[in-house]
Amino acid sequence: MSELKFAVVGAGFWGQFQIAAWKEVPGNRIVALCDRDRARAEQFAQTFGIPAVYTGVEEMLRSEPLDFLDVAVGPEAHSELVLLAARRRLPVICQKPMAMDYPTCESMVGACRETGTPFLIHENYRWQTPMRRVKELLASGIIGRTFRAHIQFSHGDIRLFENQPYLFSQPHFAIHDMGPHLLDLARFFFGEPHSLYAREFRIDPRFAGEDIVSITLAYPEFTCHCELSWRTTAYEVFIEGMDGTIMWNPEGRITIRTDTSEFSEVLVPQSYSWADPQYGFAHPSIVATNAHLLMALRGEGLAETTAEDNLKTMRLVHLALQSASSNQVLPVS
């Protein structure tokens, strides 16, 4: 298998896991790392065996022949880097959220569309093992026609955010940090809603932005509630159908109840030396996401999370902000 050579922009908290996860995937080779903090970039380069370090992206792109670019910086910088890649027709992978506002997302997707530049989003939540399994169970029809679902993320211990201090000053915390994950999951499981209604609240005073968000997605004969909060129910996914229910709890158990039976499956995250067990299935899912995106970049299949597709998720994110601000149900066009 020939290797695709690439560079990573970003040596922050999530960058270290992104790079470590690439090392688990055959068929790629990271040849350069770019970050404004040269000392930190050099530390990463030494840890992960990256041969070249840069503090300027344009200099790196002039100097390094690349097959693709992996953008792992904060969302405020995504647009500039993706547009730079589009001008060079260099395939680009970008972290979520794609951008901080919807018109910017549209401009990024439009620029890559016009230049024929492959543009993929690193949306890893749907690649967590339990989420793939829930999708399989839904597709099997085991619980019949679904009519209600609840998907949630509990922030949990605030100390987990100490390693990402920029989140405390974001004007929108929960909806930009975890909102894209849950709304993408809703689309992954159930398809496109026709309207949404959102409420948001600021409970923990350390956050400048909202830390509680509830979003109701309406479908024909179906409702999905996405919730971001500190203390919630004992499950992360609960789906009701005419013939039964599917429940996933963060302890690792999927329970399927039907009119005639009940059974459970216990799932365990793949173990990697670099993965923090506090994050459960999140860090191992980065490996699965990278492998899937690399397959698409090699022309060996279609990516699930193209930027064109993720634009629909970002539409929901920004409609949720509008809905919460106006206290209105909004149509999803």
Protein backbone atom coordinates (compact mmCIF):
# COMPACT_ATOMS: atom_id res chain seq x y z
CA MET A 1 0.00 0.00 0.00
CA SER A 2 1.49 3.34 -1.04
CA GLU A 3 1.57 5.93 1.72
CA LEU A 4 -0.23 9.27 1.54
CA LYS A 5 1.97 12.03 2.91
CA PHE A 6 0.30 14.73 4.99
CA ALA A 7 0.86 17.51 7.49
CA VAL A 8 -1.04 18.46 10.64
CA VAL A 9 -1.80 22.04 11.62
CA GLY A 10 -2.20 22.27 15.38
CA ALA A 11 -0.23 20.98 18.35
CA GLY A 12 -2.91 21.55 20.96
CA PHE A 13 -4.76 19.26 23.35
CA TRP A 14 -6.67 17.34 20.67
CA GLY A 15 -3.81 17.48 18.19
CA GLN A 16 -1.80 15.02 20.26
CA PHE A 17 -4.57 12.42 20.08
CA GLN A 18 -5.17 13.08 16.40
CA ILE A 19 -1.50 12.46 15.59
CA ALA A 20 -1.30 9.41 17.85
CA ALA A 21 -4.37 7.96 16.16
CA TRP A 22 -2.86 8.42 12.68
CA LYS A 23 0.07 6.29 13.85
CA GLU A 24 -2.37 3.39 14.32
CA VAL A 25 -3.59 3.56 10.70
CA PRO A 26 -1.51 1.99 7.89
CA GLY A 27 -1.05 3.78 4.59
CA ASN A 28 -0.19 7.29 5.77
CA ARG A 29 2.92 9.20 6.80
CA ILE A 30 2.98 12.50 8.64
CA VAL A 31 5.85 14.54 7.26
CA ALA A 32 5.31 17.94 8.90
CA LEU A 33 3.65 19.69 11.81
CA CYS A 34 2.74 23.38 11.99
CA ASP A 35 1.94 25.41 15.11
CA ARG A 36 2.60 29.00 16.18
CA ASP A 37 4.14 27.63 19.39
CA ARG A 38 7.36 26.24 17.93
CA ALA A 39 8.57 24.74 21.20
CA ARG A 40 5.36 22.76 21.61
CA ALA A 41 5.45 21.68 17.96
CA GLU A 42 9.04 20.48 18.36
CA GLN A 43 8.04 18.54 21.46
CA PHE A 44 5.26 16.82 19.50
CA ALA A 45 7.63 16.18 16.60
CA GLN A 46 10.10 14.46 18.89
CA THR A 47 7.38 12.38 20.56
CA PHE A 48 5.76 11.24 17.32
CA GLY A 49 8.77 11.13 14.99
CA ILE A 50 7.68 13.98 12.71
CA PRO A 51 10.63 15.14 10.56
CA ALA A 52 9.70 18.81 9.93
CA VAL A 53 8.27 21.62 12.08
CA TYR A 54 6.89 24.97 10.89
CA THR A 55 5.28 28.00 12.47
CA GLY A 56 3.71 29.25 9.22
CA VAL A 57 1.27 27.21 7.12
CA GLU A 58 2.06 28.85 3.79
CA GLU A 59 5.78 28.20 4.23
CA MET A 60 5.01 24.57 5.04
CA LEU A 61 2.82 24.16 1.96
CA ARG A 62 5.52 25.67 -0.26
CA SER A 63 8.18 23.39 1.20
CA GLU A 64 6.39 20.06 1.60
CA PRO A 65 4.82 17.98 -1.21
CA LEU A 66 1.62 16.77 0.47
CA ASP A 67 -1.25 14.48 -0.43
CA PHE A 68 -3.56 16.09 2.13
CA LEU A 69 -3.72 18.51 5.05
CA ASP A 70 -5.18 17.75 8.49
CA VAL A 71 -6.50 20.85 10.30
CA ALA A 72 -6.56 20.29 14.08
CA VAL A 73 -6.68 23.88 15.39
CA GLY A 74 -9.55 25.84 16.96
CA PRO A 75 -12.62 26.57 14.82
CA GLU A 76 -11.83 30.27 14.53
CA ALA A 77 -8.92 29.36 12.23
CA HIS A 78 -10.64 26.66 10.16
CA SER A 79 -11.89 28.88 7.34
CA GLU A 80 -8.55 30.49 6.52
CA LEU A 81 -6.78 27.12 6.40
CA VAL A 82 -9.46 25.35 4.35
CA LEU A 83 -9.58 28.21 1.84
CA LEU A 84 -5.80 28.06 1.59
CA ALA A 85 -6.00 24.34 0.83
CA ALA A 86 -8.77 24.95 -1.71
CA ARG A 87 -6.62 27.46 -3.61
CA ARG A 88 -3.94 24.77 -3.89
CA ARG A 89 -6.47 22.01 -4.62
CA LEU A 90 -4.98 20.15 -1.66
CA PRO A 91 -7.41 17.67 -0.04
CA VAL A 92 -8.18 18.77 3.51
CA ILE A 93 -9.57 17.21 6.68
CA CYS A 94 -10.99 19.64 9.24
CA GLN A 95 -12.09 19.21 12.85
CA LYS A 96 -15.61 20.07 13.97
CA PRO A 97 -17.26 22.51 14.22
CA MET A 98 -16.55 23.44 10.62
CA ALA A 99 -16.81 27.17 11.46
CA MET A 100 -18.38 29.50 14.00
CA ASP A 101 -21.19 30.71 11.73
CA TYR A 102 -23.17 29.15 8.92
CA PRO A 103 -22.29 31.58 6.09
CA THR A 104 -18.61 30.83 6.70
CA CYS A 105 -19.34 27.10 6.50
CA GLU A 106 -21.08 27.70 3.18
CA SER A 107 -18.14 29.69 1.83
CA MET A 108 -15.67 26.94 2.80
CA VAL A 109 -17.74 24.22 1.16
CA GLY A 110 -18.33 26.41 -1.90
CA ALA A 111 -14.63 27.15 -2.38
CA CYS A 112 -13.72 23.46 -2.24
CA ARG A 113 -16.59 22.57 -4.55
CA GLU A 114 -15.49 25.16 -7.14
CA THR A 115 -11.88 23.97 -7.14
CA GLY A 116 -12.71 20.28 -6.94
CA THR A 117 -10.85 19.97 -3.63
CA PRO A 118 -11.84 17.01 -1.42
CA PHE A 119 -13.02 18.47 1.90
CA LEU A 120 -13.77 16.08 4.78
CA ILE A 121 -14.84 16.70 8.38
CA HIS A 122 -13.33 14.77 11.27
CA GLU A 123 -16.65 13.90 12.95
CA ASN A 124 -15.68 11.02 15.19
CA TYR A 125 -18.70 10.58 17.46
CA ARG A 126 -20.61 8.43 14.96
CA TRP A 127 -17.49 6.23 14.77
CA GLN A 128 -17.66 5.25 18.43
CA THR A 129 -18.25 1.49 18.62
CA PRO A 130 -21.59 1.73 20.48
CA MET A 131 -22.96 4.28 18.00
CA ARG A 132 -22.14 2.00 15.06
CA ARG A 133 -23.86 -0.85 16.90
CA VAL A 134 -26.98 1.22 17.62
CA LYS A 135 -27.15 2.07 13.92
CA GLU A 136 -26.91 -1.65 13.04
CA LEU A 137 -29.72 -2.50 15.45
CA LEU A 138 -31.95 0.22 14.03
CA ALA A 139 -31.29 -0.98 10.49
CA SER A 140 -32.20 -4.55 11.53
CA GLY A 141 -35.73 -3.43 12.39
CA ILE A 142 -35.61 -5.22 15.74
CA ILE A 143 -37.67 -2.53 17.52
CA GLY A 144 -39.97 -1.77 14.60
CA ARG A 145 -40.94 1.72 13.48
CA THR A 146 -39.31 4.27 15.76
CA PHE A 147 -41.32 7.17 17.17
CA ARG A 148 -39.17 8.78 19.90
CA ALA A 149 -35.48 9.09 20.80
CA HIS A 150 -33.28 10.81 23.35
CA ILE A 151 -29.56 11.43 22.73
CA GLN A 152 -27.53 13.16 25.39
CA PHE A 153 -24.07 14.12 26.53
CA SER A 154 -23.32 14.80 30.19
CA HIS A 155 -20.45 17.23 30.73
CA GLY A 156 -19.61 15.49 34.00
CA ASP A 157 -16.52 16.59 35.92
CA ILE A 158 -15.56 20.17 35.06
CA ARG A 159 -11.91 19.25 35.61
CA LEU A 160 -12.00 17.54 32.20
CA PHE A 161 -12.17 21.01 30.66
CA GLU A 162 -9.07 22.35 32.44
CA ASN A 163 -6.95 21.02 29.56
CA GLN A 164 -9.02 23.10 27.10
CA PRO A 165 -9.17 26.52 28.82
CA TYR A 166 -10.31 28.31 25.65
CA LEU A 167 -13.73 26.66 26.10
CA PHE A 168 -14.41 28.78 29.18
CA SER A 169 -14.30 32.00 27.14
CA GLN A 170 -16.26 30.81 24.08
CA PRO A 171 -19.45 32.85 23.47
CA HIS A 172 -21.16 29.52 22.78
CA PHE A 173 -19.73 26.59 24.69
CA ALA A 174 -22.04 23.56 24.63
CA ILE A 175 -23.64 24.06 21.24
CA HIS A 176 -20.29 24.51 19.45
CA ASP A 177 -18.33 21.93 21.44
CA MET A 178 -20.73 18.96 21.64
CA GLY A 179 -23.71 20.17 19.62
CA PRO A 180 -22.20 19.09 16.27
CA HIS A 181 -21.60 15.58 17.64
CA LEU A 182 -25.15 15.02 18.88
CA LEU A 183 -26.85 16.60 15.89
CA ASP A 184 -24.67 14.53 13.55
CA LEU A 185 -25.66 11.43 15.52
CA ALA A 186 -29.34 12.30 15.11
CA ARG A 187 -28.84 12.61 11.35
CA PHE A 188 -26.77 9.40 11.28
CA PHE A 189 -29.50 7.46 13.07
CA PHE A 190 -32.69 9.06 11.73
CA GLY A 191 -31.98 11.25 8.69
CA GLU A 192 -32.97 14.87 8.15
CA PRO A 193 -35.49 16.62 10.47
CA HIS A 194 -37.99 19.12 9.15
CA SER A 195 -37.96 21.51 12.13
CA LEU A 196 -36.24 22.14 15.46
CA TYR A 197 -36.75 23.95 18.73
CA ALA A 198 -33.91 24.77 21.17
CA ARG A 199 -33.48 26.18 24.66
CA GLU A 200 -30.14 27.09 26.22
CA PHE A 201 -29.03 28.12 29.71
CA ARG A 202 -25.87 29.22 31.50
CA ILE A 203 -25.60 27.33 34.79
CA ASP A 204 -21.89 27.08 35.65
CA PRO A 205 -20.52 30.63 36.03
CA ARG A 206 -17.06 29.65 34.81
CA PHE A 207 -18.36 29.44 31.25
CA ALA A 208 -18.99 32.61 29.28
CA GLY A 209 -21.33 30.71 26.97
CA GLU A 210 -24.24 28.37 27.52
CA ASP A 211 -23.53 25.02 29.16
CA ILE A 212 -27.06 23.55 29.05
CA VAL A 213 -28.77 22.99 25.70
CA SER A 214 -31.92 21.07 24.80
CA ILE A 215 -32.81 20.62 21.13
CA THR A 216 -35.96 18.92 19.87
CA LEU A 217 -35.82 17.68 16.29
CA ALA A 218 -39.14 16.98 14.57
CA TYR A 219 -39.57 14.34 11.88
CA PRO A 220 -42.73 12.96 10.30
CA GLU A 221 -44.21 10.77 13.07
CA PHE A 222 -40.96 10.90 15.05
CA THR A 223 -39.25 13.15 17.63
CA CYS A 224 -35.60 13.19 18.72
CA HIS A 225 -34.42 15.14 21.75
CA CYS A 226 -30.70 16.09 21.94
CA GLU A 227 -29.53 17.22 25.36
CA LEU A 228 -26.26 18.69 26.66
CA SER A 229 -26.13 19.07 30.44
CA TRP A 230 -24.26 18.35 33.64
CA ARG A 231 -26.60 15.87 35.36
CA THR A 232 -28.81 13.76 33.19
CA THR A 233 -30.31 10.28 32.97
CA ALA A 234 -28.34 7.04 33.25
CA TYR A 235 -28.24 6.53 29.48
CA GLU A 236 -26.80 8.38 26.51
CA VAL A 237 -29.06 6.93 23.81
CA PHE A 238 -32.64 5.76 24.27
CA ILE A 239 -34.78 4.90 21.23
CA GLU A 240 -38.39 3.75 21.34
CA GLY A 241 -40.05 1.75 18.57
CA MET A 242 -43.40 0.08 18.06
CA ASP A 243 -41.88 -3.29 18.99
CA GLY A 244 -39.29 -2.37 21.64
CA THR A 245 -36.47 -0.11 22.82
CA ILE A 246 -32.70 0.30 22.44
CA MET A 247 -30.72 1.84 25.31
CA TRP A 248 -27.00 2.61 25.56
CA ASN A 249 -25.47 3.64 28.87
CA PRO A 250 -21.97 5.10 29.37
CA GLU A 251 -20.91 2.11 31.48
CA GLY A 252 -20.70 0.13 28.25
CA ARG A 253 -24.00 -1.75 27.98
CA ILE A 254 -26.50 -1.78 25.15
CA THR A 255 -29.87 -3.18 26.19
CA ILE A 256 -32.51 -4.25 23.68
CA ARG A 257 -36.02 -4.86 24.93
CA THR A 258 -38.78 -6.17 22.66
CA ASP A 259 -42.30 -7.42 23.28
CA THR A 260 -40.95 -10.96 23.61
CA SER A 261 -37.35 -10.71 24.85
CA GLU A 262 -34.62 -8.68 26.55
CA PHE A 263 -30.88 -8.98 26.02
CA SER A 264 -27.75 -6.91 26.57
CA GLU A 265 -24.34 -6.48 25.01
CA VAL A 266 -21.32 -5.10 26.85
CA LEU A 267 -18.88 -3.12 24.70
CA VAL A 268 -15.32 -2.20 25.70
CA PRO A 269 -13.21 0.56 24.11
CA GLN A 270 -10.19 -0.50 22.08
CA SER A 271 -7.12 -0.01 24.25
CA TYR A 272 -4.32 2.30 23.09
CA SER A 273 -1.38 3.42 25.21
CA TRP A 274 -1.96 7.09 24.31
CA ALA A 275 -5.73 7.09 24.89
CA ASP A 276 -7.08 8.57 28.12
CA PRO A 277 -9.61 6.11 29.61
CA GLN A 278 -11.58 9.04 31.07
CA TYR A 279 -12.78 9.70 27.53
CA GLY A 280 -14.19 6.20 27.05
CA PHE A 281 -14.88 5.41 23.41
CA ALA A 282 -13.97 8.94 22.22
CA HIS A 283 -10.22 8.54 21.74
CA PRO A 284 -10.35 5.10 20.07
CA SER A 285 -13.01 6.46 17.69
CA ILE A 286 -10.41 8.86 16.30
CA VAL A 287 -8.54 5.85 14.88
CA ALA A 288 -11.69 4.55 13.17
CA THR A 289 -12.48 8.01 11.80
CA ASN A 290 -8.97 8.50 10.42
CA ALA A 291 -8.99 5.07 8.78
CA HIS A 292 -12.34 5.82 7.12
CA LEU A 293 -11.26 9.25 5.85
CA LEU A 294 -7.95 7.89 4.57
CA MET A 295 -9.86 5.23 2.64
CA ALA A 296 -11.88 7.99 0.96
CA LEU A 297 -8.79 10.06 0.18
CA ARG A 298 -7.23 7.00 -1.45
CA GLY A 299 -10.28 6.72 -3.72
CA GLU A 300 -11.30 3.40 -2.21
CA GLY A 301 -14.79 4.43 -1.11
CA LEU A 302 -16.97 7.38 -0.15
CA ALA A 303 -16.59 9.27 3.11
CA GLU A 304 -19.64 9.55 5.34
CA THR A 305 -18.66 12.94 6.73
CA THR A 306 -17.84 15.02 3.69
CA ALA A 307 -18.07 18.75 4.26
CA GLU A 308 -21.08 18.80 1.92
CA ASP A 309 -22.86 16.39 4.27
CA ASN A 310 -21.61 18.08 7.44
CA LEU A 311 -23.02 21.37 6.16
CA LYS A 312 -26.44 19.92 7.02
CA THR A 313 -25.27 19.31 10.60
CA MET A 314 -23.88 22.84 10.86
CA ARG A 315 -27.20 24.15 9.55
CA LEU A 316 -28.86 22.48 12.55
CA VAL A 317 -26.23 23.89 14.94
CA HIS A 318 -26.80 27.45 13.83
CA LEU A 319 -30.58 27.07 13.60
CA ALA A 320 -30.44 25.87 17.23
CA LEU A 321 -28.70 29.10 18.21
CA GLN A 322 -31.37 31.11 16.37
CA SER A 323 -34.18 29.08 17.91
CA ALA A 324 -32.85 29.52 21.44
CA SER A 325 -32.43 33.25 20.87
CA SER A 326 -35.91 33.76 19.42
CA ASN A 327 -37.74 31.04 21.40
CA GLN A 328 -39.28 29.79 18.16
CA VAL A 329 -39.69 26.53 16.29
CA LEU A 330 -37.71 26.91 13.08
CA PRO A 331 -38.07 24.98 9.81
CA VAL A 332 -35.06 23.12 8.44
CA SER A 333 -34.89 23.95 4.75
